[in-house]
N, C-alpha and C. Protein backbone atom coordinates (compact mmCIF):
# COMPACT_ATOMS: atom_id res chain seq x y z
N UNK A 1 85.32 -85.49 -78.92
CA UNK A 1 85.32 -84.07 -79.10
C UNK A 1 86.69 -83.65 -79.65
N UNK A 2 86.64 -82.99 -80.75
CA UNK A 2 87.88 -82.55 -81.39
C UNK A 2 88.07 -81.07 -81.08
N UNK A 3 89.23 -80.77 -80.54
CA UNK A 3 89.51 -79.35 -80.26
C UNK A 3 90.25 -78.73 -81.43
N UNK A 4 89.91 -77.53 -81.68
CA UNK A 4 90.55 -76.82 -82.79
C UNK A 4 91.81 -76.13 -82.27
N UNK A 5 92.84 -76.30 -83.03
CA UNK A 5 94.09 -75.63 -82.71
C UNK A 5 94.11 -74.32 -83.47
N UNK A 6 94.31 -73.27 -82.74
CA UNK A 6 94.35 -71.97 -83.40
C UNK A 6 95.75 -71.73 -83.95
N UNK A 7 95.77 -71.42 -85.21
CA UNK A 7 97.03 -71.10 -85.86
C UNK A 7 97.14 -69.59 -85.91
N UNK A 8 98.26 -69.04 -85.45
CA UNK A 8 98.39 -67.59 -85.50
C UNK A 8 98.34 -67.08 -86.94
N UNK A 9 97.65 -65.98 -87.10
CA UNK A 9 97.54 -65.41 -88.43
C UNK A 9 98.87 -64.81 -88.85
N UNK A 10 99.15 -64.95 -90.13
CA UNK A 10 100.36 -64.34 -90.65
C UNK A 10 100.10 -62.86 -90.85
N UNK A 11 100.97 -62.07 -90.28
CA UNK A 11 100.85 -60.63 -90.49
C UNK A 11 101.51 -60.27 -91.81
N UNK A 12 100.94 -59.26 -92.42
CA UNK A 12 101.53 -58.79 -93.66
C UNK A 12 102.90 -58.22 -93.35
N UNK A 13 103.78 -58.31 -94.31
CA UNK A 13 105.09 -57.73 -94.14
C UNK A 13 104.94 -56.22 -94.05
N UNK A 14 105.46 -55.66 -92.98
CA UNK A 14 105.31 -54.23 -92.75
C UNK A 14 106.45 -53.44 -93.37
N UNK A 15 107.41 -54.10 -93.96
CA UNK A 15 108.53 -53.37 -94.52
C UNK A 15 109.45 -52.89 -93.41
N UNK A 16 110.11 -51.80 -93.63
CA UNK A 16 111.02 -51.23 -92.65
C UNK A 16 110.20 -50.58 -91.54
N UNK A 17 110.16 -51.22 -90.37
CA UNK A 17 109.26 -50.77 -89.30
C UNK A 17 109.73 -49.50 -88.62
N UNK A 18 110.97 -49.10 -88.81
CA UNK A 18 111.47 -47.89 -88.19
C UNK A 18 111.32 -46.67 -89.10
N UNK A 19 110.68 -46.85 -90.24
CA UNK A 19 110.49 -45.74 -91.17
C UNK A 19 109.66 -44.62 -90.58
N UNK A 20 108.58 -44.97 -89.88
CA UNK A 20 107.73 -43.95 -89.27
C UNK A 20 108.48 -43.20 -88.18
N UNK A 21 109.32 -43.91 -87.44
CA UNK A 21 110.10 -43.28 -86.38
C UNK A 21 111.10 -42.29 -86.96
N UNK A 22 111.86 -42.70 -87.94
CA UNK A 22 112.87 -41.83 -88.54
C UNK A 22 112.25 -40.67 -89.31
N UNK A 23 111.23 -40.97 -90.09
CA UNK A 23 110.58 -39.92 -90.87
C UNK A 23 109.87 -38.93 -89.95
N UNK A 24 109.26 -39.45 -88.89
CA UNK A 24 108.60 -38.58 -87.92
C UNK A 24 109.58 -37.69 -87.18
N UNK A 25 110.82 -38.17 -86.99
CA UNK A 25 111.83 -37.34 -86.35
C UNK A 25 112.34 -36.27 -87.32
N UNK A 26 112.60 -36.65 -88.54
CA UNK A 26 113.15 -35.69 -89.51
C UNK A 26 112.17 -34.58 -89.85
N UNK A 27 110.92 -34.94 -90.12
CA UNK A 27 109.90 -33.97 -90.49
C UNK A 27 108.74 -34.14 -89.53
N UNK A 28 108.46 -33.13 -88.71
CA UNK A 28 107.38 -33.28 -87.74
C UNK A 28 106.05 -33.67 -88.39
N UNK A 29 105.44 -34.74 -87.88
CA UNK A 29 104.16 -35.20 -88.38
C UNK A 29 104.25 -36.17 -89.54
N UNK A 30 105.41 -36.32 -90.15
CA UNK A 30 105.53 -37.18 -91.33
C UNK A 30 105.38 -38.67 -90.99
N UNK A 31 105.74 -39.04 -89.79
CA UNK A 31 105.55 -40.43 -89.38
C UNK A 31 104.08 -40.79 -89.30
N UNK A 32 103.27 -39.83 -88.90
CA UNK A 32 101.83 -40.06 -88.85
C UNK A 32 101.22 -40.07 -90.26
N UNK A 33 101.83 -39.35 -91.18
CA UNK A 33 101.38 -39.45 -92.58
C UNK A 33 101.59 -40.87 -93.09
N UNK A 34 102.74 -41.45 -92.72
CA UNK A 34 103.05 -42.81 -93.15
C UNK A 34 102.06 -43.82 -92.58
N UNK A 35 101.54 -43.55 -91.39
CA UNK A 35 100.56 -44.45 -90.77
C UNK A 35 99.12 -44.06 -91.11
N UNK A 36 98.97 -43.09 -91.98
CA UNK A 36 97.68 -42.62 -92.49
C UNK A 36 96.78 -41.99 -91.42
N UNK A 37 97.40 -41.25 -90.55
CA UNK A 37 96.68 -40.46 -89.56
C UNK A 37 96.84 -39.00 -89.97
N UNK A 38 96.06 -38.58 -90.95
CA UNK A 38 96.24 -37.30 -91.63
C UNK A 38 96.05 -36.10 -90.69
N UNK A 39 94.99 -36.10 -89.92
CA UNK A 39 94.70 -34.95 -89.06
C UNK A 39 95.76 -34.82 -87.98
N UNK A 40 96.13 -35.93 -87.37
CA UNK A 40 97.16 -35.90 -86.34
C UNK A 40 98.49 -35.41 -86.92
N UNK A 41 98.80 -35.84 -88.14
CA UNK A 41 100.03 -35.40 -88.79
C UNK A 41 100.02 -33.89 -89.02
N UNK A 42 98.89 -33.37 -89.48
CA UNK A 42 98.78 -31.93 -89.73
C UNK A 42 98.89 -31.14 -88.43
N UNK A 43 98.23 -31.61 -87.37
CA UNK A 43 98.30 -30.92 -86.09
C UNK A 43 99.71 -30.92 -85.52
N UNK A 44 100.39 -32.06 -85.62
CA UNK A 44 101.76 -32.13 -85.10
C UNK A 44 102.71 -31.26 -85.91
N UNK A 45 102.59 -31.31 -87.23
CA UNK A 45 103.46 -30.48 -88.07
C UNK A 45 103.25 -29.01 -87.75
N UNK A 46 102.00 -28.61 -87.67
CA UNK A 46 101.69 -27.20 -87.41
C UNK A 46 102.18 -26.76 -86.03
N UNK A 47 101.91 -27.54 -85.01
CA UNK A 47 102.27 -27.13 -83.66
C UNK A 47 103.79 -27.13 -83.44
N UNK A 48 104.48 -28.16 -83.90
CA UNK A 48 105.92 -28.24 -83.69
C UNK A 48 106.65 -27.17 -84.50
N UNK A 49 106.26 -27.01 -85.76
CA UNK A 49 106.91 -26.01 -86.60
C UNK A 49 106.63 -24.59 -86.08
N UNK A 50 105.41 -24.35 -85.63
CA UNK A 50 105.06 -23.03 -85.10
C UNK A 50 105.83 -22.74 -83.81
N UNK A 51 105.93 -23.73 -82.93
CA UNK A 51 106.69 -23.53 -81.69
C UNK A 51 108.15 -23.22 -82.00
N UNK A 52 108.73 -23.95 -82.94
CA UNK A 52 110.14 -23.72 -83.30
C UNK A 52 110.31 -22.34 -83.92
N UNK A 53 109.40 -21.96 -84.83
CA UNK A 53 109.48 -20.67 -85.49
C UNK A 53 109.27 -19.52 -84.50
N UNK A 54 108.32 -19.69 -83.57
CA UNK A 54 108.12 -18.66 -82.55
C UNK A 54 109.35 -18.53 -81.65
N UNK A 55 109.96 -19.65 -81.34
CA UNK A 55 111.19 -19.60 -80.55
C UNK A 55 112.27 -18.82 -81.26
N UNK A 56 112.45 -19.08 -82.55
CA UNK A 56 113.46 -18.33 -83.31
C UNK A 56 113.08 -16.86 -83.44
N UNK A 57 111.79 -16.58 -83.56
CA UNK A 57 111.35 -15.19 -83.64
C UNK A 57 111.63 -14.44 -82.34
N UNK A 58 111.66 -15.17 -81.22
CA UNK A 58 111.98 -14.56 -79.93
C UNK A 58 113.49 -14.58 -79.66
N UNK A 59 114.28 -14.81 -80.68
CA UNK A 59 115.75 -14.83 -80.62
C UNK A 59 116.27 -15.98 -79.76
N UNK A 60 115.73 -17.17 -80.00
CA UNK A 60 116.14 -18.35 -79.25
C UNK A 60 117.59 -18.69 -79.53
N UNK A 61 118.20 -19.34 -78.56
CA UNK A 61 119.54 -19.89 -78.73
C UNK A 61 119.39 -21.33 -79.16
N UNK A 62 119.99 -21.70 -80.28
CA UNK A 62 120.03 -23.11 -80.67
C UNK A 62 121.34 -23.68 -80.14
N UNK A 63 121.21 -24.71 -79.34
CA UNK A 63 122.38 -25.28 -78.68
C UNK A 63 123.28 -25.98 -79.68
N UNK A 64 124.58 -25.93 -79.39
CA UNK A 64 125.60 -26.55 -80.22
C UNK A 64 126.11 -27.82 -79.55
N UNK A 65 126.54 -28.79 -80.34
CA UNK A 65 127.15 -29.98 -79.72
C UNK A 65 128.54 -29.64 -79.19
N UNK A 66 129.06 -30.47 -78.34
CA UNK A 66 130.44 -30.38 -77.85
C UNK A 66 130.73 -29.13 -77.02
N UNK A 67 129.80 -28.70 -76.21
CA UNK A 67 130.10 -27.57 -75.35
C UNK A 67 130.68 -28.03 -74.02
N UNK A 68 130.43 -29.25 -73.63
CA UNK A 68 130.97 -29.78 -72.38
C UNK A 68 130.08 -29.54 -71.18
N UNK A 69 129.19 -28.58 -71.23
CA UNK A 69 128.28 -28.30 -70.12
C UNK A 69 127.08 -29.23 -70.22
N UNK A 70 126.73 -29.88 -69.12
CA UNK A 70 125.66 -30.87 -69.12
C UNK A 70 124.32 -30.26 -69.55
N UNK A 71 123.98 -29.07 -69.07
CA UNK A 71 122.71 -28.46 -69.44
C UNK A 71 122.68 -28.08 -70.91
N UNK A 72 123.82 -27.66 -71.45
CA UNK A 72 123.88 -27.36 -72.89
C UNK A 72 123.72 -28.63 -73.73
N UNK A 73 124.27 -29.74 -73.24
CA UNK A 73 124.13 -31.00 -73.99
C UNK A 73 122.67 -31.46 -73.97
N UNK A 74 121.97 -31.26 -72.85
CA UNK A 74 120.56 -31.61 -72.79
C UNK A 74 119.74 -30.69 -73.69
N UNK A 75 120.08 -29.42 -73.72
CA UNK A 75 119.42 -28.48 -74.62
C UNK A 75 119.65 -28.85 -76.07
N UNK A 76 120.88 -29.30 -76.38
CA UNK A 76 121.19 -29.74 -77.74
C UNK A 76 120.35 -30.95 -78.12
N UNK A 77 120.18 -31.89 -77.19
CA UNK A 77 119.35 -33.07 -77.47
C UNK A 77 117.91 -32.66 -77.74
N UNK A 78 117.41 -31.69 -76.98
CA UNK A 78 116.06 -31.19 -77.21
C UNK A 78 115.93 -30.50 -78.54
N UNK A 79 116.90 -29.64 -78.88
CA UNK A 79 116.87 -28.95 -80.17
C UNK A 79 116.98 -29.93 -81.33
N UNK A 80 117.82 -30.94 -81.17
CA UNK A 80 118.02 -31.92 -82.23
C UNK A 80 116.75 -32.71 -82.52
N UNK A 81 115.85 -32.74 -81.54
CA UNK A 81 114.58 -33.42 -81.72
C UNK A 81 113.72 -32.85 -82.82
N UNK A 82 113.95 -31.60 -83.19
CA UNK A 82 113.15 -31.01 -84.26
C UNK A 82 113.58 -31.48 -85.64
N UNK A 83 114.61 -32.29 -85.71
CA UNK A 83 115.03 -32.89 -86.98
C UNK A 83 115.55 -31.88 -87.98
N UNK A 84 114.94 -31.86 -89.15
CA UNK A 84 115.41 -30.98 -90.22
C UNK A 84 115.27 -29.50 -89.87
N UNK A 85 114.32 -29.15 -89.02
CA UNK A 85 114.18 -27.76 -88.61
C UNK A 85 115.45 -27.27 -87.93
N UNK A 86 116.05 -28.11 -87.10
CA UNK A 86 117.29 -27.75 -86.42
C UNK A 86 118.42 -27.56 -87.43
N UNK A 87 118.54 -28.49 -88.37
CA UNK A 87 119.62 -28.40 -89.34
C UNK A 87 119.45 -27.20 -90.27
N UNK A 88 118.22 -26.88 -90.62
CA UNK A 88 117.96 -25.67 -91.42
C UNK A 88 118.33 -24.43 -90.62
N UNK A 89 117.98 -24.41 -89.35
CA UNK A 89 118.35 -23.29 -88.49
C UNK A 89 119.87 -23.13 -88.40
N UNK A 90 120.58 -24.24 -88.33
CA UNK A 90 122.04 -24.18 -88.28
C UNK A 90 122.62 -23.68 -89.61
N UNK A 91 122.06 -24.17 -90.72
CA UNK A 91 122.54 -23.74 -92.04
C UNK A 91 122.31 -22.25 -92.27
N UNK A 92 121.19 -21.74 -91.77
CA UNK A 92 120.88 -20.32 -91.93
C UNK A 92 121.51 -19.46 -90.84
N UNK A 93 122.32 -20.09 -89.99
CA UNK A 93 123.04 -19.41 -88.91
C UNK A 93 122.08 -18.69 -87.96
N UNK A 94 120.98 -19.35 -87.62
CA UNK A 94 120.00 -18.80 -86.69
C UNK A 94 120.30 -19.30 -85.29
N UNK A 95 119.95 -18.52 -84.31
CA UNK A 95 120.08 -18.96 -82.93
C UNK A 95 121.48 -18.96 -82.38
N UNK A 96 122.37 -18.12 -82.92
CA UNK A 96 123.74 -18.09 -82.43
C UNK A 96 124.05 -16.85 -81.61
N UNK A 97 123.07 -15.99 -81.42
CA UNK A 97 123.31 -14.78 -80.63
C UNK A 97 123.20 -15.10 -79.15
N UNK A 98 123.84 -14.30 -78.34
CA UNK A 98 123.76 -14.49 -76.90
C UNK A 98 122.38 -14.09 -76.41
N UNK A 99 121.87 -14.83 -75.44
CA UNK A 99 120.56 -14.53 -74.87
C UNK A 99 120.69 -13.26 -74.03
N UNK A 100 119.98 -12.20 -74.46
CA UNK A 100 120.10 -10.92 -73.76
C UNK A 100 118.78 -10.44 -73.15
N UNK A 101 117.68 -11.02 -73.57
CA UNK A 101 116.38 -10.59 -73.06
C UNK A 101 115.62 -11.79 -72.53
N UNK A 102 114.59 -11.50 -71.76
CA UNK A 102 113.76 -12.58 -71.21
C UNK A 102 113.04 -13.33 -72.32
N UNK A 103 112.63 -12.61 -73.37
CA UNK A 103 111.93 -13.30 -74.47
C UNK A 103 112.84 -14.27 -75.18
N UNK A 104 114.14 -13.98 -75.24
CA UNK A 104 115.07 -14.91 -75.87
C UNK A 104 115.17 -16.20 -75.06
N UNK A 105 115.12 -16.07 -73.74
CA UNK A 105 115.16 -17.26 -72.90
C UNK A 105 113.89 -18.09 -73.10
N UNK A 106 112.74 -17.43 -73.19
CA UNK A 106 111.50 -18.16 -73.48
C UNK A 106 111.56 -18.79 -74.86
N UNK A 107 112.13 -18.09 -75.81
CA UNK A 107 112.26 -18.63 -77.17
C UNK A 107 113.12 -19.88 -77.19
N UNK A 108 114.18 -19.88 -76.39
CA UNK A 108 115.04 -21.06 -76.29
C UNK A 108 114.25 -22.25 -75.76
N UNK A 109 113.42 -21.99 -74.77
CA UNK A 109 112.57 -23.07 -74.21
C UNK A 109 111.54 -23.54 -75.23
N UNK A 110 111.00 -22.63 -76.03
CA UNK A 110 110.06 -23.02 -77.08
C UNK A 110 110.73 -23.98 -78.05
N UNK A 111 111.95 -23.68 -78.47
CA UNK A 111 112.66 -24.52 -79.43
C UNK A 111 112.95 -25.91 -78.85
N UNK A 112 113.38 -25.94 -77.59
CA UNK A 112 113.69 -27.23 -76.96
C UNK A 112 112.42 -28.06 -76.78
N UNK A 113 111.34 -27.44 -76.33
CA UNK A 113 110.09 -28.18 -76.13
C UNK A 113 109.53 -28.67 -77.45
N UNK A 114 109.71 -27.90 -78.53
CA UNK A 114 109.28 -28.37 -79.85
C UNK A 114 110.02 -29.65 -80.22
N UNK A 115 111.30 -29.71 -79.91
CA UNK A 115 112.07 -30.92 -80.19
C UNK A 115 111.63 -32.10 -79.35
N UNK A 116 111.35 -31.85 -78.08
CA UNK A 116 110.90 -32.94 -77.22
C UNK A 116 109.53 -33.46 -77.65
N UNK A 117 108.65 -32.55 -78.04
CA UNK A 117 107.34 -32.95 -78.55
C UNK A 117 107.49 -33.78 -79.82
N UNK A 118 108.45 -33.42 -80.66
CA UNK A 118 108.66 -34.17 -81.88
C UNK A 118 109.19 -35.58 -81.59
N UNK A 119 110.06 -35.71 -80.59
CA UNK A 119 110.51 -37.04 -80.19
C UNK A 119 109.33 -37.91 -79.78
N UNK A 120 108.44 -37.35 -78.96
CA UNK A 120 107.28 -38.09 -78.50
C UNK A 120 106.37 -38.48 -79.66
N UNK A 121 106.17 -37.56 -80.59
CA UNK A 121 105.28 -37.86 -81.72
C UNK A 121 105.90 -38.89 -82.65
N UNK A 122 107.23 -38.89 -82.80
CA UNK A 122 107.88 -39.90 -83.64
C UNK A 122 107.73 -41.29 -83.02
N UNK A 123 107.87 -41.39 -81.72
CA UNK A 123 107.67 -42.68 -81.04
C UNK A 123 106.21 -43.12 -81.15
N UNK A 124 105.29 -42.18 -81.06
CA UNK A 124 103.87 -42.49 -81.23
C UNK A 124 103.61 -43.04 -82.63
N UNK A 125 104.20 -42.43 -83.64
CA UNK A 125 104.03 -42.91 -85.02
C UNK A 125 104.62 -44.32 -85.16
N UNK A 126 105.75 -44.57 -84.52
CA UNK A 126 106.36 -45.90 -84.57
C UNK A 126 105.44 -46.93 -83.90
N UNK A 127 104.86 -46.58 -82.76
CA UNK A 127 103.95 -47.51 -82.08
C UNK A 127 102.71 -47.78 -82.92
N UNK A 128 102.21 -46.79 -83.61
CA UNK A 128 101.09 -47.01 -84.52
C UNK A 128 101.49 -47.93 -85.66
N UNK A 129 102.69 -47.74 -86.17
CA UNK A 129 103.18 -48.53 -87.32
C UNK A 129 103.34 -50.01 -86.99
N UNK A 130 103.85 -50.29 -85.80
CA UNK A 130 104.08 -51.70 -85.46
C UNK A 130 102.86 -52.35 -84.81
N UNK A 131 101.81 -51.57 -84.59
CA UNK A 131 100.59 -52.13 -84.05
C UNK A 131 100.54 -52.20 -82.55
N UNK A 132 101.47 -51.60 -81.86
CA UNK A 132 101.48 -51.60 -80.40
C UNK A 132 100.39 -50.69 -79.85
N UNK A 133 99.98 -49.72 -80.67
CA UNK A 133 98.96 -48.78 -80.24
C UNK A 133 97.86 -48.77 -81.29
N UNK A 134 96.64 -48.80 -80.83
CA UNK A 134 95.50 -48.73 -81.75
C UNK A 134 95.26 -47.28 -82.14
N UNK A 135 94.64 -47.11 -83.26
CA UNK A 135 94.35 -45.76 -83.75
C UNK A 135 93.55 -45.04 -82.74
């Protein structure tokens, strides 16, 4: 009786495997476009961008780096999660007013949560890209 030895299949070269992660962080949903999950990409782009825009419409505070306060640094990490949206907000000088109303505080939370959601979606796109997660 001859036993067959299974030879592992060669996987196709995936190229730069962190492309979906980086692109998904910079532009919400773009990592899923790279993995050809069109509907998921559209839903993520729409939800993250809308949350960030609603936050700014409610006079959200965009956190700055180097404030020294631990909660501000965590808020900055959350805001930075929105990728290019954060940098565009900084370039347009948005989110620099002092929080004076309750809606502004909610807006700040909207912006931070949009960034955190984008971090999660970028990691999801990376897992789809490397095959760790099935469609």
